Protein backbone atom coordinates (compact mmCIF):
# COMPACT_ATOMS: atom_id res chain seq x y z
CA MET A 1 131.15 107.13 88.55
CA LYS A 2 128.47 106.15 86.05
CA THR A 3 127.88 102.96 88.14
CA LEU A 4 127.30 104.88 91.26
CA ARG A 5 124.77 107.16 89.46
CA ILE A 6 122.85 104.17 88.00
CA ILE A 7 122.57 102.52 91.44
CA SER A 8 121.51 105.97 93.04
CA VAL A 9 118.93 106.59 90.37
CA SER A 10 117.56 103.10 90.59
CA LEU A 11 117.18 103.28 94.42
CA LEU A 12 115.69 106.74 94.34
CA ILE A 13 113.16 105.75 91.77
CA PHE A 14 112.34 102.60 93.71
CA VAL A 15 112.00 104.32 96.92
CA GLY A 16 109.91 107.24 95.39
CA ILE A 17 107.49 105.16 93.26
CA ASN A 18 106.80 102.95 96.27
CA ALA A 19 106.65 106.00 98.89
CA ILE A 20 104.05 107.75 96.39
CA VAL A 21 101.91 104.73 95.98
CA ALA A 22 101.93 104.13 99.75
CA GLY A 23 101.57 107.72 100.72
CA PHE A 24 98.77 108.22 98.44
CA LEU A 25 97.00 105.03 99.83
CA PHE A 26 97.55 106.22 103.28
CA MET A 27 96.04 109.57 102.52
CA TYR A 28 93.13 108.19 100.58
CA ASP A 29 92.27 105.75 103.30
CA PRO A 30 93.84 107.06 106.66
CA SER A 31 92.59 104.03 108.59
CA GLY A 32 95.57 102.29 107.02
CA SER A 33 93.29 99.22 106.04
CA MET A 34 94.12 99.50 102.17
CA MET A 35 97.78 98.97 103.18
CA GLY A 36 97.02 96.17 105.57
CA MET A 37 97.87 98.32 108.53
CA LYS A 38 95.98 98.58 111.95
CA GLN A 39 95.42 101.96 113.64
CA ASP A 40 96.59 100.13 116.70
CA ASN A 41 100.09 100.34 115.13
CA LEU A 42 99.79 104.24 115.95
CA GLN A 43 99.25 103.75 119.72
CA TYR A 44 102.79 105.07 120.97
CA SER A 45 102.66 107.89 118.02
CA PRO A 46 101.16 111.22 118.07
CA PHE A 47 98.81 110.42 115.31
CA ASN A 48 95.53 108.99 115.49
CA ASN A 49 95.33 107.88 111.73
CA TYR A 50 97.73 107.70 108.79
CA LEU A 51 96.77 110.84 107.04
CA ILE A 52 99.76 113.00 108.27
CA PRO A 53 102.40 110.16 107.92
CA GLY A 54 101.01 109.42 104.45
CA LEU A 55 101.34 112.95 103.22
CA VAL A 56 104.74 113.19 104.71
CA LEU A 57 105.74 109.85 103.06
CA PHE A 58 104.18 111.01 99.80
CA LEU A 59 106.21 114.27 99.66
CA VAL A 60 109.43 113.65 101.50
CA GLN A 61 110.22 109.95 100.36
CA GLY A 62 108.07 109.99 97.22
CA VAL A 63 108.17 113.30 95.48
CA LEU A 64 111.58 114.42 96.84
CA SER A 65 113.13 110.88 95.83
CA ILE A 66 111.92 111.19 92.25
CA TRP A 67 112.96 114.94 92.07
CA SER A 68 116.49 113.79 93.35
CA ALA A 69 116.59 111.00 90.81
CA MET A 70 115.97 113.52 87.98
CA TRP A 71 118.58 115.98 89.50
CA CYS A 72 121.03 113.05 89.38
CA ILE A 73 120.21 112.10 85.87
CA LYS A 74 120.43 115.45 84.60
CA ARG A 75 123.74 116.05 86.61
CA LYS A 76 122.60 119.02 88.09
CA SER A 77 124.91 120.82 90.50
CA PHE A 78 124.93 119.42 93.97
CA TYR A 79 123.33 116.13 92.92
CA PRO A 80 125.51 114.07 95.13
CA LEU A 81 124.06 116.24 98.00
CA MET A 82 120.66 115.32 97.12
CA ILE A 83 121.56 111.72 96.98
CA MET A 84 123.01 111.95 100.46
CA ALA A 85 120.05 113.95 101.75
CA GLN A 86 117.70 111.28 100.51
CA GLY A 87 119.85 108.54 102.17
CA ILE A 88 119.65 110.37 105.55
CA LEU A 89 116.03 111.23 105.09
CA LEU A 90 115.14 107.59 104.73
CA GLY A 91 117.20 106.39 107.38
CA GLY A 92 115.57 108.95 109.78
CA TRP A 93 112.23 108.17 108.60
CA ILE A 94 112.66 104.47 109.28
CA LEU A 95 114.35 105.00 112.68
CA ILE A 96 111.33 107.41 113.79
CA GLN A 97 108.83 105.00 112.32
CA VAL A 98 110.42 102.08 114.34
CA MET A 99 110.29 104.16 117.53
CA MET A 100 106.68 105.14 116.95
CA VAL A 101 105.23 101.77 116.14
CA HIS A 102 107.61 99.72 118.47
CA ASP A 103 108.40 97.16 115.61
CA PHE A 104 111.28 96.43 113.54
CA ASN A 105 110.92 94.09 110.52
CA ALA A 106 112.63 93.05 107.29
CA LEU A 107 111.24 96.02 105.30
CA HIS A 108 112.82 98.31 107.83
CA SER A 109 116.11 96.56 107.58
CA ALA A 110 115.94 96.88 103.75
CA MET A 111 114.97 100.51 103.89
CA LEU A 112 117.81 101.44 106.26
CA THR A 113 120.20 99.57 103.84
CA ILE A 114 118.84 101.51 100.88
CA GLY A 115 119.33 104.64 102.83
CA ALA A 116 122.80 103.88 103.96
CA THR A 117 123.76 102.75 100.36
CA LEU A 118 122.41 106.18 99.17
CA LEU A 119 124.42 108.15 101.62
CA ILE A 120 127.72 106.12 100.55
CA CYS A 121 127.03 106.53 96.83
CA GLY A 122 126.35 110.34 97.56
CA ILE A 123 129.59 110.71 99.52
CA VAL A 124 131.70 109.00 96.94
CA LEU A 125 130.19 110.90 94.03
CA LYS A 126 130.79 114.00 95.73
CA ARG A 127 134.58 113.27 96.64
CA ARG A 128 135.05 112.01 92.93
CA ILE A 129 133.65 115.19 91.40
CA ARG A 130 135.67 117.40 93.86
CA HIS A 131 138.69 115.44 92.84
CA GLU A 132 138.00 115.84 89.08
CA HIS A 133 137.78 119.65 89.52
CA GLN A 134 141.08 119.74 91.34
């Protein structure tokens, strides 16, 4: 169980830090140029610039991932559910992003893999905790 928690915390912190940095940069410069993005990428989305996606990225993938990691480190109640939720949110974020920008690349693939790994770790941890309490 310790290994699964270490994997989960590591992935949550990795995703969280990257999302906080990227989200901040998108909010600071909504044109996306600081992140090497073009506004043309948003032509199929409801957004004119990266401000709202940056805010959502910062909060949902950034702040919530770090918060979930801390919850896991402290073994707070329901921490496996937090891990599972972040895995689902990350996967959903990437799938929506792919649909909006009409592109799929190696980063999307890596993030989907991380999301699936978080979901699986959360499920296994939840089952093990439930089994220990029986």
